[in-house]
N, C-alpha and C. Protein backbone atom coordinates (compact mmCIF):
# COMPACT_ATOMS: atom_id res chain seq x y z
N UNK A 1 35.16 -16.42 8.93
CA UNK A 1 33.90 -15.86 9.09
C UNK A 1 33.17 -16.20 10.13
N UNK A 2 33.66 -17.14 11.12
CA UNK A 2 33.43 -17.95 12.07
C UNK A 2 34.40 -17.58 13.62
N UNK A 3 33.74 -17.91 14.63
CA UNK A 3 34.36 -17.45 15.58
C UNK A 3 33.88 -18.82 16.96
N UNK A 4 34.73 -19.70 17.43
CA UNK A 4 34.26 -20.54 17.83
C UNK A 4 35.02 -20.69 19.34
N UNK A 5 34.50 -20.73 20.36
CA UNK A 5 34.83 -21.07 21.62
C UNK A 5 35.24 -22.48 21.89
N UNK A 6 36.33 -23.13 21.80
CA UNK A 6 36.42 -24.73 21.81
C UNK A 6 37.22 -24.95 23.02
N UNK A 7 37.04 -24.30 24.11
CA UNK A 7 37.40 -24.91 25.53
C UNK A 7 36.35 -25.72 26.34
N UNK A 8 37.19 -26.81 26.31
CA UNK A 8 36.21 -28.09 26.95
C UNK A 8 35.98 -28.04 28.37
N UNK A 9 34.99 -28.28 28.77
CA UNK A 9 34.55 -27.88 30.42
C UNK A 9 35.02 -29.20 30.83
N UNK A 10 35.49 -29.75 32.08
CA UNK A 10 35.68 -31.04 32.61
C UNK A 10 34.64 -31.66 32.58
N UNK A 11 34.35 -32.98 32.39
CA UNK A 11 33.55 -34.07 32.45
C UNK A 11 34.06 -35.43 32.50
N UNK A 12 33.14 -36.33 33.11
CA UNK A 12 33.58 -37.79 32.80
C UNK A 12 33.73 -38.13 31.65
N UNK A 13 34.42 -39.50 31.24
CA UNK A 13 34.99 -39.93 30.04
C UNK A 13 33.35 -40.29 29.63
N UNK A 14 32.43 -40.99 30.25
CA UNK A 14 31.34 -41.12 29.88
C UNK A 14 30.29 -40.33 29.06
N UNK A 15 30.97 -39.15 29.69
CA UNK A 15 29.60 -38.22 28.96
C UNK A 15 30.52 -37.30 27.99
N UNK A 16 31.85 -37.64 27.64
CA UNK A 16 32.31 -37.12 26.61
C UNK A 16 32.81 -35.56 26.75
N UNK A 17 33.28 -35.05 26.09
CA UNK A 17 34.04 -33.90 26.37
C UNK A 17 32.76 -32.67 26.14
N UNK A 18 32.60 -31.67 26.64
CA UNK A 18 31.91 -30.88 26.97
C UNK A 18 32.33 -29.32 26.38
N UNK A 19 31.86 -28.79 25.66
CA UNK A 19 32.15 -27.42 25.24
C UNK A 19 31.36 -26.07 25.79
N UNK A 20 32.20 -25.46 25.57
CA UNK A 20 31.68 -24.22 25.83
C UNK A 20 30.74 -23.57 24.65
N UNK A 21 30.30 -22.27 24.88
CA UNK A 21 29.50 -21.88 23.78
C UNK A 21 29.99 -21.74 22.24
N UNK A 22 29.61 -22.16 21.32
CA UNK A 22 30.05 -21.98 20.02
C UNK A 22 29.65 -20.52 19.28
N UNK A 23 30.65 -19.98 19.02
CA UNK A 23 29.87 -18.35 18.65
C UNK A 23 30.03 -18.25 17.11
N UNK A 24 28.77 -17.78 16.17
CA UNK A 24 29.17 -17.74 14.94
C UNK A 24 28.54 -16.50 14.53
N UNK A 25 29.44 -15.36 13.84
CA UNK A 25 29.19 -14.28 13.35
C UNK A 25 29.72 -13.92 12.38
N UNK A 26 29.29 -13.04 11.65
CA UNK A 26 29.84 -12.44 10.06
C UNK A 26 31.10 -11.37 10.40
N UNK A 27 32.01 -11.89 10.51
CA UNK A 27 33.40 -10.90 10.55
C UNK A 27 33.61 -9.63 9.18
N UNK A 28 33.17 -9.99 8.23
CA UNK A 28 33.06 -8.76 7.28
C UNK A 28 32.11 -7.72 7.63
N UNK A 29 30.79 -8.31 8.52
CA UNK A 29 30.13 -7.49 8.90
C UNK A 29 30.36 -6.62 10.02
N UNK A 30 30.93 -7.50 10.79
CA UNK A 30 31.91 -6.47 12.09
C UNK A 30 32.60 -5.56 11.89
N UNK A 31 33.59 -5.84 10.76
CA UNK A 31 34.42 -4.62 9.89
C UNK A 31 34.09 -3.59 9.39
N UNK A 32 32.64 -4.10 8.70
CA UNK A 32 32.44 -2.55 8.06
C UNK A 32 31.36 -1.88 9.00
N UNK A 33 30.96 -2.35 10.18
CA UNK A 33 30.26 -1.29 11.36
C UNK A 33 31.54 -0.92 11.90
N UNK A 34 32.46 -1.45 12.21
CA UNK A 34 33.55 -0.51 12.89
C UNK A 34 33.89 0.68 11.91
N UNK A 35 34.26 0.42 10.59
CA UNK A 35 34.77 1.15 9.63
C UNK A 35 33.72 2.60 9.74
N UNK A 36 32.06 2.13 9.63
CA UNK A 36 31.40 2.96 9.49
C UNK A 36 31.08 3.97 10.98
N UNK A 37 31.32 3.50 12.00
CA UNK A 37 31.25 4.17 13.56
C UNK A 37 32.39 4.92 13.26
N UNK A 38 33.66 4.75 12.95
CA UNK A 38 34.71 5.16 12.96
C UNK A 38 34.25 6.70 12.13
N UNK A 39 34.42 6.57 10.88
CA UNK A 39 33.77 7.68 9.87
C UNK A 39 32.83 8.37 10.40
N UNK A 40 31.42 7.92 11.04
CA UNK A 40 30.53 8.77 11.74
C UNK A 40 31.26 9.89 12.93
N UNK A 41 31.87 8.92 13.68
CA UNK A 41 32.38 9.84 14.77
C UNK A 41 33.22 10.64 14.32
N UNK A 42 34.23 10.68 13.35
CA UNK A 42 34.79 11.64 12.97
C UNK A 42 34.20 12.85 12.45
N UNK A 43 33.16 12.80 11.45
CA UNK A 43 32.30 13.50 10.62
C UNK A 43 31.64 14.45 12.12
N UNK A 44 30.94 13.51 13.00
CA UNK A 44 30.28 14.18 14.21
C UNK A 44 31.03 15.15 15.23
N UNK A 45 32.27 14.63 15.41
CA UNK A 45 32.91 15.32 16.01
C UNK A 45 33.27 16.76 15.32
N UNK A 46 33.77 16.47 13.89
CA UNK A 46 33.88 17.62 13.53
C UNK A 46 33.23 18.44 13.22
N UNK A 47 32.03 18.30 12.71
CA UNK A 47 30.94 18.97 13.29
C UNK A 47 30.41 19.87 14.48
N UNK A 48 30.70 19.21 15.59
CA UNK A 48 30.68 19.80 16.76
C UNK A 48 31.94 20.91 17.06
N UNK A 49 32.95 20.74 16.64
CA UNK A 49 34.05 21.54 16.73
C UNK A 49 33.82 22.64 15.87
N UNK A 50 33.55 22.46 14.52
CA UNK A 50 34.00 23.17 13.47
C UNK A 50 32.74 23.77 13.11
N UNK A 51 31.87 23.38 13.62
CA UNK A 51 30.63 23.99 13.10
C UNK A 51 30.04 25.10 13.45
N UNK A 52 29.01 25.83 12.75
CA UNK A 52 28.37 26.94 13.41
C UNK A 52 26.93 27.03 13.53
N UNK A 53 26.57 27.91 14.37
CA UNK A 53 25.10 28.22 14.19
C UNK A 53 24.20 26.63 14.91
N UNK A 54 23.28 26.01 14.20
CA UNK A 54 22.85 24.92 14.80
C UNK A 54 23.38 23.44 14.14
N UNK A 55 24.35 23.52 13.39
CA UNK A 55 25.09 22.34 13.16
C UNK A 55 25.84 21.72 14.26
N UNK A 56 26.26 21.76 15.42
CA UNK A 56 26.69 21.30 16.26
C UNK A 56 25.34 20.62 17.06
N UNK A 57 24.18 20.89 16.96
CA UNK A 57 23.29 20.20 17.76
C UNK A 57 22.87 19.44 17.08
N UNK A 58 22.70 19.79 15.46
CA UNK A 58 22.10 18.82 14.85
C UNK A 58 23.03 17.59 14.57
N UNK A 59 24.60 17.40 14.49
CA UNK A 59 25.20 16.74 14.88
C UNK A 59 24.88 15.78 15.96
N UNK A 60 24.95 16.44 17.04
CA UNK A 60 24.68 15.71 18.50
C UNK A 60 23.36 14.83 18.22
N UNK A 61 22.47 15.61 17.57
CA UNK A 61 20.88 14.63 17.89
C UNK A 61 21.05 13.58 16.72
N UNK A 62 21.99 13.90 15.75
CA UNK A 62 21.97 12.55 14.68
C UNK A 62 22.75 11.62 15.18
N UNK A 63 23.93 11.76 15.98
CA UNK A 63 24.63 10.81 16.32
C UNK A 63 23.82 9.19 16.83
N UNK A 64 22.99 9.37 17.57
CA UNK A 64 22.00 8.40 18.34
C UNK A 64 21.32 7.65 16.83
N UNK A 65 20.66 8.63 16.17
CA UNK A 65 19.74 7.87 15.04
C UNK A 65 20.67 7.36 14.31
N UNK A 66 21.98 7.42 14.07
CA UNK A 66 22.93 6.64 13.28
C UNK A 66 23.66 5.83 13.81
N UNK A 67 24.42 6.05 15.08
CA UNK A 67 25.32 5.34 15.24
C UNK A 67 24.68 3.92 16.37
N UNK A 68 23.70 3.98 16.82
CA UNK A 68 22.84 2.66 17.58
C UNK A 68 22.26 2.00 16.25
N UNK A 69 21.70 2.50 15.24
CA UNK A 69 21.43 1.16 14.44
C UNK A 69 22.37 0.42 13.66
N UNK A 70 23.29 1.31 13.57
CA UNK A 70 24.47 0.69 12.66
C UNK A 70 25.22 -0.32 13.39
N UNK A 71 25.49 -0.25 14.75
CA UNK A 71 26.01 -1.29 15.67
C UNK A 71 25.01 -2.12 15.90
N UNK A 72 23.67 -1.99 15.90
CA UNK A 72 22.66 -2.69 16.03
C UNK A 72 22.84 -3.95 14.78
N UNK A 73 22.87 -3.32 13.47
CA UNK A 73 22.98 -4.27 12.39
C UNK A 73 24.38 -4.69 12.04
N UNK A 74 25.21 -4.33 12.45
CA UNK A 74 26.50 -4.92 12.07
C UNK A 74 27.21 -5.64 13.38
N UNK A 75 27.41 -5.00 14.41
CA UNK A 75 28.34 -5.85 15.54
C UNK A 75 27.15 -6.56 16.55
N UNK A 76 25.79 -6.22 16.23
CA UNK A 76 25.20 -7.00 17.86
C UNK A 76 24.94 -8.47 17.11
N UNK A 77 24.64 -8.74 16.04
CA UNK A 77 24.33 -9.93 15.60
C UNK A 77 25.04 -10.80 15.74
N UNK A 78 24.70 -11.81 16.47
CA UNK A 78 25.47 -13.18 17.08
C UNK A 78 24.53 -14.61 16.91
N UNK A 79 25.09 -15.81 16.81
CA UNK A 79 24.62 -17.11 17.21
C UNK A 79 25.02 -17.73 17.99
N UNK A 80 24.59 -18.23 19.25
CA UNK A 80 25.52 -18.84 20.05
C UNK A 80 24.92 -20.22 20.42
N UNK A 81 25.81 -21.10 20.58
CA UNK A 81 25.08 -22.61 21.04
C UNK A 81 25.70 -23.60 21.81
N UNK A 82 24.81 -23.71 22.83
CA UNK A 82 25.91 -25.11 23.32
C UNK A 82 24.65 -26.05 23.66
N UNK A 83 25.18 -27.18 24.84
CA UNK A 83 24.20 -28.40 24.74
C UNK A 83 22.87 -28.22 25.08
N UNK A 84 22.72 -27.07 25.82
CA UNK A 84 21.18 -26.57 26.41
C UNK A 84 20.37 -25.90 25.28
N UNK A 85 20.72 -24.79 24.64
CA UNK A 85 20.12 -23.94 23.82
C UNK A 85 20.52 -23.62 22.57
N UNK A 86 20.24 -22.83 21.87
CA UNK A 86 20.57 -21.94 20.77
C UNK A 86 20.13 -20.73 21.08
N UNK A 87 21.02 -19.76 21.03
CA UNK A 87 20.88 -18.36 21.09
C UNK A 87 20.95 -17.41 19.94
N UNK A 88 20.10 -16.55 19.31
CA UNK A 88 20.27 -15.80 18.30
C UNK A 88 20.12 -14.47 18.62
N UNK A 89 21.08 -13.43 18.29
CA UNK A 89 20.92 -12.21 18.85
C UNK A 89 20.78 -11.41 17.47
N UNK A 90 19.62 -11.08 17.20
CA UNK A 90 19.30 -10.00 15.93
C UNK A 90 19.53 -8.51 16.18
N UNK A 91 19.84 -7.95 15.26
CA UNK A 91 19.52 -6.50 15.25
C UNK A 91 18.82 -5.70 16.39
N UNK A 92 17.33 -6.12 16.78
CA UNK A 92 16.33 -5.64 17.48
C UNK A 92 15.73 -6.64 18.31
N UNK A 93 16.06 -8.03 18.32
CA UNK A 93 15.80 -9.01 19.21
C UNK A 93 16.71 -10.17 19.62
N UNK A 94 16.54 -10.67 20.71
CA UNK A 94 17.11 -11.62 21.13
C UNK A 94 16.39 -12.83 21.15
N UNK A 95 16.76 -14.17 20.59
CA UNK A 95 15.74 -15.02 20.74
C UNK A 95 16.62 -16.38 21.35
N UNK A 96 15.98 -17.17 22.43
CA UNK A 96 16.61 -18.21 23.20
C UNK A 96 15.69 -19.04 22.75
N UNK A 97 16.19 -20.25 22.37
CA UNK A 97 15.18 -21.43 21.96
C UNK A 97 16.09 -22.78 22.71
N UNK A 98 15.38 -23.54 23.49
CA UNK A 98 15.81 -24.78 24.14
C UNK A 98 15.96 -25.58 22.57
N UNK A 99 16.93 -26.71 22.82
CA UNK A 99 17.32 -27.53 21.84
C UNK A 99 15.67 -28.39 21.58
N UNK A 100 15.18 -28.42 22.27
CA UNK A 100 13.62 -29.18 22.36
C UNK A 100 12.52 -28.66 21.37
N UNK A 101 12.79 -27.16 21.63
CA UNK A 101 12.04 -26.53 20.67
C UNK A 101 12.23 -26.00 19.18
N UNK A 102 13.47 -26.35 19.08
CA UNK A 102 13.93 -26.25 17.67
C UNK A 102 13.19 -27.11 16.76
N UNK A 103 12.91 -26.46 15.91
CA UNK A 103 12.07 -27.62 14.67
C UNK A 103 12.67 -27.92 13.53
N UNK A 104 14.00 -26.64 13.01
CA UNK A 104 14.81 -26.73 12.11
C UNK A 104 15.41 -25.43 11.63
N UNK A 105 16.30 -25.27 10.93
CA UNK A 105 17.09 -24.25 10.15
C UNK A 105 16.76 -24.18 8.47
N UNK A 106 16.89 -23.41 8.47
CA UNK A 106 16.75 -23.45 6.50
C UNK A 106 17.53 -22.44 6.26
N UNK A 107 18.46 -22.57 5.21
CA UNK A 107 19.41 -21.71 4.54
C UNK A 107 19.06 -21.71 3.19
N UNK A 108 18.17 -20.65 2.73
CA UNK A 108 17.98 -20.21 1.52
C UNK A 108 18.62 -19.28 0.78
N UNK A 109 17.86 -17.76 0.77
CA UNK A 109 18.59 -16.50 0.54
C UNK A 109 18.74 -15.79 1.86
N UNK A 110 18.25 -16.19 3.22
CA UNK A 110 18.71 -16.04 4.16
C UNK A 110 18.46 -17.12 4.92
N UNK A 111 18.73 -17.31 6.10
CA UNK A 111 18.81 -18.39 7.39
C UNK A 111 17.78 -18.14 8.12
N UNK A 112 16.80 -18.88 8.23
CA UNK A 112 15.84 -18.91 9.09
C UNK A 112 15.70 -19.99 10.30
N UNK A 113 15.15 -19.83 11.25
CA UNK A 113 15.27 -20.24 12.44
C UNK A 113 13.77 -20.79 12.79
N UNK A 114 12.89 -21.98 12.59
CA UNK A 114 12.07 -22.50 12.80
C UNK A 114 12.13 -23.22 14.70
N UNK A 115 11.27 -22.31 15.53
CA UNK A 115 11.13 -23.08 16.70
C UNK A 115 9.92 -22.51 17.47
N UNK A 116 9.34 -23.69 18.00
CA UNK A 116 8.30 -23.13 19.30
C UNK A 116 6.93 -22.79 17.91
N UNK A 117 6.57 -23.06 16.95
CA UNK A 117 5.97 -22.68 16.09
C UNK A 117 5.87 -21.64 15.52
N UNK A 118 7.52 -20.87 15.53
CA UNK A 118 7.50 -19.44 15.38
C UNK A 118 8.73 -19.40 13.91
N UNK A 119 8.76 -18.30 13.48
CA UNK A 119 9.86 -18.47 12.34
C UNK A 119 10.90 -16.98 12.52
N UNK A 120 12.07 -17.39 12.83
CA UNK A 120 12.94 -16.01 13.06
C UNK A 120 13.98 -16.07 11.99
N UNK A 121 14.28 -14.63 11.79
CA UNK A 121 15.51 -14.32 10.96
C UNK A 121 16.72 -14.57 11.56
N UNK A 122 17.84 -15.11 11.25
CA UNK A 122 19.11 -15.55 11.62
C UNK A 122 20.26 -14.39 11.00
N UNK A 123 20.04 -13.07 11.59
CA UNK A 123 20.96 -12.03 10.98
C UNK A 123 22.96 -12.75 10.94
N UNK A 124 22.91 -13.07 11.98
CA UNK A 124 24.49 -13.14 11.99
C UNK A 124 25.00 -14.09 11.17
N UNK A 125 24.11 -14.99 10.40
CA UNK A 125 24.63 -15.86 9.29
C UNK A 125 24.32 -15.51 7.89
N UNK A 126 24.75 -14.35 7.55
CA UNK A 126 24.07 -14.11 5.99
C UNK A 126 24.67 -15.03 4.62
N UNK A 127 23.50 -15.03 3.89
CA UNK A 127 23.71 -16.24 2.65
C UNK A 127 24.51 -15.17 1.89
N UNK A 128 25.69 -16.17 1.31
CA UNK A 128 26.22 -15.69 -0.15
C UNK A 128 26.00 -16.57 -1.04
N UNK A 129 25.28 -16.32 -2.22
CA UNK A 129 24.94 -17.40 -3.25
C UNK A 129 26.44 -17.42 -4.22
N UNK A 130 26.82 -16.31 -3.73
CA UNK A 130 28.49 -16.65 -4.58
C UNK A 130 29.29 -17.36 -4.21
N UNK A 131 29.36 -17.67 -2.77
CA UNK A 131 30.53 -18.22 -1.92
C UNK A 131 29.73 -19.88 -2.16
N UNK A 132 28.28 -19.85 -2.03
CA UNK A 132 27.82 -21.28 -2.15
C UNK A 132 28.11 -22.04 -3.35
N UNK A 133 27.94 -21.23 -4.72
CA UNK A 133 29.08 -21.47 -5.85
C UNK A 133 30.21 -22.22 -5.84
N UNK A 134 30.83 -21.16 -5.06
CA UNK A 134 32.22 -21.84 -5.13
C UNK A 134 32.69 -23.12 -4.31
N UNK A 135 31.83 -22.63 -3.26
CA UNK A 135 31.79 -24.28 -2.31
C UNK A 135 31.64 -25.37 -3.21
N UNK A 136 30.77 -25.15 -4.19
CA UNK A 136 30.11 -26.33 -4.77
C UNK A 136 31.45 -26.92 -5.88
N UNK A 137 31.79 -25.84 -6.62
CA UNK A 137 32.83 -26.23 -7.60
C UNK A 137 33.84 -26.74 -6.53
N UNK A 138 34.26 -26.26 -5.55
CA UNK A 138 35.49 -26.84 -4.63
C UNK A 138 35.14 -28.29 -4.46
N UNK A 139 33.89 -28.87 -3.97
CA UNK A 139 33.74 -29.73 -3.55
C UNK A 139 33.42 -30.95 -4.80
N UNK A 140 32.99 -30.64 -5.97
CA UNK A 140 33.20 -31.26 -6.98
C UNK A 140 34.29 -31.88 -7.59
N UNK A 141 35.61 -30.40 -7.31
CA UNK A 141 36.95 -30.87 -7.95
C UNK A 141 37.46 -31.97 -6.58
N UNK A 142 37.15 -31.49 -5.29
CA UNK A 142 37.48 -32.55 -4.35
C UNK A 142 37.24 -33.79 -4.62
N UNK A 143 35.66 -34.06 -4.79
CA UNK A 143 35.28 -35.53 -5.43
C UNK A 143 35.89 -36.06 -6.43
N UNK A 144 36.33 -35.34 -7.55
CA UNK A 144 36.91 -35.82 -8.66
C UNK A 144 38.34 -36.20 -8.20
N UNK A 145 38.80 -35.73 -7.72
CA UNK A 145 40.43 -36.00 -6.90
C UNK A 145 40.34 -36.88 -5.97
N UNK A 146 39.16 -37.50 -5.48
CA UNK A 146 39.48 -38.52 -4.62
C UNK A 146 39.57 -38.23 -3.08
N UNK A 147 39.10 -36.88 -2.48
CA UNK A 147 39.58 -36.43 -1.41
C UNK A 147 39.08 -37.30 0.02
N UNK A 148 40.13 -37.76 0.64
CA UNK A 148 39.40 -39.01 1.44
C UNK A 148 38.65 -38.21 2.67
N UNK A 149 38.59 -36.85 3.02
CA UNK A 149 38.01 -36.40 3.93
C UNK A 149 36.32 -35.63 3.33
N UNK A 150 36.35 -35.83 2.12
CA UNK A 150 35.03 -35.29 1.64
C UNK A 150 33.90 -36.12 2.21
N UNK A 151 33.99 -37.72 2.01
CA UNK A 151 32.89 -38.28 2.31
C UNK A 151 32.39 -38.18 3.60
N UNK A 152 33.38 -38.17 4.41
CA UNK A 152 33.17 -37.97 6.09
C UNK A 152 32.30 -36.76 6.62
N UNK A 153 32.95 -35.71 5.63
CA UNK A 153 31.90 -34.05 5.94
C UNK A 153 30.84 -34.19 5.59
N UNK A 154 30.41 -34.82 4.17
CA UNK A 154 29.01 -34.71 3.68
C UNK A 154 28.19 -35.41 4.32
N UNK A 155 28.80 -36.70 5.00
CA UNK A 155 27.78 -37.51 5.68
C UNK A 155 27.69 -37.10 7.13
N UNK A 156 28.17 -35.64 7.73
CA UNK A 156 28.13 -34.92 9.00
C UNK A 156 29.09 -35.40 10.07
N UNK A 157 29.99 -36.49 9.61
CA UNK A 157 30.95 -37.06 10.67
C UNK A 157 32.09 -36.05 11.14
N UNK A 158 32.09 -34.93 11.53
CA UNK A 158 32.79 -34.09 12.05
C UNK A 158 33.46 -34.21 13.24
N UNK A 159 34.89 -34.17 13.30
CA UNK A 159 35.71 -34.51 14.66
C UNK A 159 35.29 -34.10 15.57
N UNK A 160 34.98 -32.74 15.64
CA UNK A 160 34.39 -32.26 16.87
C UNK A 160 33.09 -31.35 16.60
N UNK A 161 32.15 -30.96 17.51
CA UNK A 161 31.03 -30.58 17.64
C UNK A 161 30.90 -29.14 17.01
N UNK A 162 32.60 -28.73 17.00
CA UNK A 162 32.24 -27.10 16.68
C UNK A 162 32.78 -27.07 15.51
N UNK A 163 33.42 -27.77 14.59
CA UNK A 163 33.90 -27.82 13.64
C UNK A 163 32.98 -27.74 12.20
N UNK A 164 33.25 -26.94 11.42
CA UNK A 164 32.18 -26.74 10.42
C UNK A 164 32.68 -27.68 8.72
N UNK A 165 31.82 -28.04 8.21
CA UNK A 165 32.00 -28.68 7.07
C UNK A 165 32.64 -28.00 5.93
N UNK A 166 33.84 -28.16 5.46
CA UNK A 166 34.75 -27.10 4.81
C UNK A 166 34.35 -27.41 3.33
N UNK A 167 33.58 -28.23 3.00
CA UNK A 167 32.93 -28.24 1.65
C UNK A 167 31.90 -27.71 1.14
N UNK A 168 31.32 -27.22 2.65
CA UNK A 168 30.24 -26.06 1.94
C UNK A 168 30.23 -25.02 2.05
N UNK A 169 29.70 -23.88 1.61
CA UNK A 169 29.36 -22.45 1.88
C UNK A 169 29.29 -22.31 3.44
N UNK A 170 29.95 -21.18 4.27
CA UNK A 170 29.88 -20.86 5.48
C UNK A 170 28.50 -20.95 6.02
N UNK A 171 27.44 -20.20 5.49
CA UNK A 171 26.40 -20.08 6.06
C UNK A 171 25.83 -21.51 5.99
N UNK A 172 25.86 -22.33 5.19
CA UNK A 172 24.98 -23.77 5.05
C UNK A 172 26.05 -24.67 5.89
N UNK A 173 27.26 -24.47 6.06
CA UNK A 173 27.60 -25.17 6.98
C UNK A 173 27.33 -24.79 8.66
N UNK A 174 27.41 -23.62 8.57
CA UNK A 174 26.88 -23.36 10.01
C UNK A 174 25.32 -24.00 10.11
N UNK A 175 24.28 -23.61 9.44
CA UNK A 175 23.08 -24.32 9.45
C UNK A 175 23.47 -25.92 9.67
N UNK A 176 24.21 -26.39 9.22
CA UNK A 176 24.36 -27.83 9.07
C UNK A 176 24.87 -28.17 10.54
N UNK A 177 25.73 -27.50 10.84
CA UNK A 177 26.36 -27.82 12.49
C UNK A 177 25.24 -27.36 13.36
N UNK A 178 24.52 -26.52 13.42
CA UNK A 178 23.29 -26.41 14.32
C UNK A 178 22.20 -27.24 14.19
N UNK A 179 21.83 -27.80 13.03
CA UNK A 179 21.05 -28.54 12.87
C UNK A 179 21.10 -29.85 13.36
N UNK A 180 22.32 -30.20 13.46
CA UNK A 180 22.82 -31.45 13.50
C UNK A 180 22.73 -31.71 15.27
N UNK A 181 23.29 -30.14 16.20
CA UNK A 181 23.15 -30.31 17.58
C UNK A 181 21.85 -30.18 17.96
N UNK A 182 20.98 -29.32 17.01
CA UNK A 182 19.53 -29.78 17.31
C UNK A 182 18.78 -31.18 17.65
N UNK A 183 19.45 -32.17 16.71
CA UNK A 183 18.93 -33.39 16.36
C UNK A 183 19.74 -34.21 17.54
N UNK A 184 21.08 -33.92 17.95
CA UNK A 184 21.67 -34.45 19.13
C UNK A 184 21.02 -34.00 20.36
N UNK A 185 20.53 -33.08 20.52
CA UNK A 185 20.28 -32.61 21.99
C UNK A 185 18.80 -32.15 22.22
N UNK A 186 17.96 -32.37 21.09
CA UNK A 186 16.57 -32.57 21.54
C UNK A 186 15.79 -33.17 22.66
N UNK A 187 16.57 -34.35 23.14
CA UNK A 187 15.82 -35.06 24.03
C UNK A 187 16.40 -35.07 24.96
N UNK A 188 17.81 -33.78 25.40
CA UNK A 188 18.27 -34.15 26.36
C UNK A 188 17.50 -33.45 27.47
N UNK A 189 17.48 -33.85 28.96
CA UNK A 189 16.64 -32.99 30.11
C UNK A 189 16.97 -31.68 30.03
N UNK A 190 17.97 -30.96 30.04
CA UNK A 190 18.54 -30.00 30.25
C UNK A 190 18.05 -29.02 28.99
N UNK A 191 17.88 -29.72 27.89
CA UNK A 191 16.80 -28.87 26.70
C UNK A 191 15.78 -28.43 26.67
N UNK A 192 15.33 -28.86 27.80
CA UNK A 192 13.51 -28.49 27.58
C UNK A 192 13.62 -26.93 27.78
N UNK A 193 12.03 -26.55 27.55
CA UNK A 193 11.82 -24.80 27.97
C UNK A 193 11.00 -24.42 26.73
N UNK A 194 10.70 -23.48 26.84
CA UNK A 194 9.92 -22.60 25.99
C UNK A 194 10.89 -21.71 25.03
N UNK A 195 10.48 -20.91 24.04
CA UNK A 195 11.43 -20.04 23.24
C UNK A 195 11.16 -18.43 24.12
N UNK A 196 12.08 -18.30 24.09
CA UNK A 196 12.10 -16.38 24.61
C UNK A 196 12.44 -15.59 23.85
N UNK A 197 11.71 -14.60 23.24
CA UNK A 197 12.24 -13.38 22.54
C UNK A 197 11.97 -12.44 22.91
N UNK A 198 13.07 -11.31 23.22
CA UNK A 198 12.80 -9.87 23.81
C UNK A 198 13.45 -9.23 22.79
N UNK A 199 12.93 -7.81 22.92
CA UNK A 199 13.33 -6.92 22.22
C UNK A 199 14.65 -6.02 22.82
N UNK A 200 15.06 -5.13 22.06
CA UNK A 200 16.76 -4.60 22.52
C UNK A 200 16.47 -3.16 22.71
N UNK A 201 15.54 -2.68 23.74
CA UNK A 201 15.18 -1.67 23.82
C UNK A 201 16.43 -0.43 24.27
N UNK A 202 17.80 -1.00 24.34
CA UNK A 202 18.89 0.06 24.50
C UNK A 202 19.29 0.47 23.17
N UNK A 203 18.78 -0.21 21.88
CA UNK A 203 19.05 0.48 20.71
C UNK A 203 17.64 1.01 20.39
N UNK A 204 16.74 0.44 20.48
CA UNK A 204 15.31 1.14 19.95
C UNK A 204 15.03 2.53 20.88
N UNK A 205 15.22 2.62 21.96
CA UNK A 205 14.83 3.79 22.79
C UNK A 205 15.99 4.84 22.35
N UNK A 206 17.31 4.68 22.48
CA UNK A 206 17.83 6.32 22.20
C UNK A 206 17.41 6.67 20.65
N UNK A 207 17.46 5.40 19.70
CA UNK A 207 17.26 6.05 18.48
C UNK A 207 15.93 6.77 17.97
N UNK A 208 15.19 6.10 18.85
CA UNK A 208 13.49 7.07 18.60
C UNK A 208 13.89 8.41 19.62
N UNK A 209 14.92 8.49 20.47
CA UNK A 209 14.86 9.59 21.34
C UNK A 209 16.05 10.63 20.34
N UNK A 210 16.72 10.04 19.88
CA UNK A 210 17.31 10.97 18.90
C UNK A 210 16.57 11.38 17.42
N UNK A 211 15.88 10.47 16.95
CA UNK A 211 15.35 10.98 16.00
C UNK A 211 14.32 12.51 16.51
N UNK A 212 13.63 12.03 17.62
CA UNK A 212 12.76 13.13 17.75
C UNK A 212 13.69 14.27 18.15
N UNK A 213 14.84 14.60 18.79
CA UNK A 213 15.47 15.44 18.79
C UNK A 213 16.02 16.15 17.60
N UNK A 214 16.49 15.39 16.68
CA UNK A 214 16.92 15.62 15.40
C UNK A 214 15.97 16.53 14.72
N UNK A 215 14.45 15.67 14.87
CA UNK A 215 13.46 16.54 14.26
C UNK A 215 12.85 17.80 14.94
N UNK A 216 13.13 17.83 16.19
CA UNK A 216 13.09 19.15 16.73
C UNK A 216 13.98 20.16 16.43
N UNK A 217 15.20 19.76 16.21
CA UNK A 217 16.13 20.85 15.97
C UNK A 217 16.31 21.24 14.78
N UNK A 218 15.94 20.45 13.93
CA UNK A 218 16.07 20.82 12.33
C UNK A 218 14.57 21.82 12.21
N UNK A 219 13.27 21.49 12.98
CA UNK A 219 12.31 22.48 12.89
C UNK A 219 12.36 23.96 13.65
N UNK A 220 12.96 23.63 14.42
CA UNK A 220 13.78 25.04 15.15
C UNK A 220 14.68 25.84 14.72
N UNK A 221 15.65 25.50 13.41
CA UNK A 221 15.65 26.41 12.78
C UNK A 221 15.72 27.02 11.71
């Protein structure tokens, strides 16, 4: 459920290895989105080709009303981090937070980012209570068996900055990894700046336009 670009940039030995953006997203969400869009495309094309009367026009108007929100809520969400900033791409907004502005992250029933005195939801990292309970049982069994890797993982001493704690649920491991990055880079000169939150108009505008067209077509029939 995580995708990470681990290609190191060239740097001096004193500076240590530098990594490209680490990327985190929900793979099941992406798969569900692709399947929904595929089914919707098949139904819409069938309605356009085989439909009669106003049916093809209704199908055309409904396409952006369904397609853009589905893509926004399943394919678009992603979290990217590097040595300078944290980027959170939600369905309708993109948040860019330099590490100096990140006050913390919290994984409760959902993942939340606190930056620049504001709170943002992190859609790309869904919380699974079932997965969390499963990870807790797995960690307990590993501790009882004397797993030598468990103490290092629990203390946050991971071999690479893009490696997640295998003893935690995925969402909790991602939050812990991002929190560690925030603490590590908070004082870096290149991590300063202001939080930027921008709306995703390429999703909002076509959806609203399609909704207006759909209502017009339905009222005209």
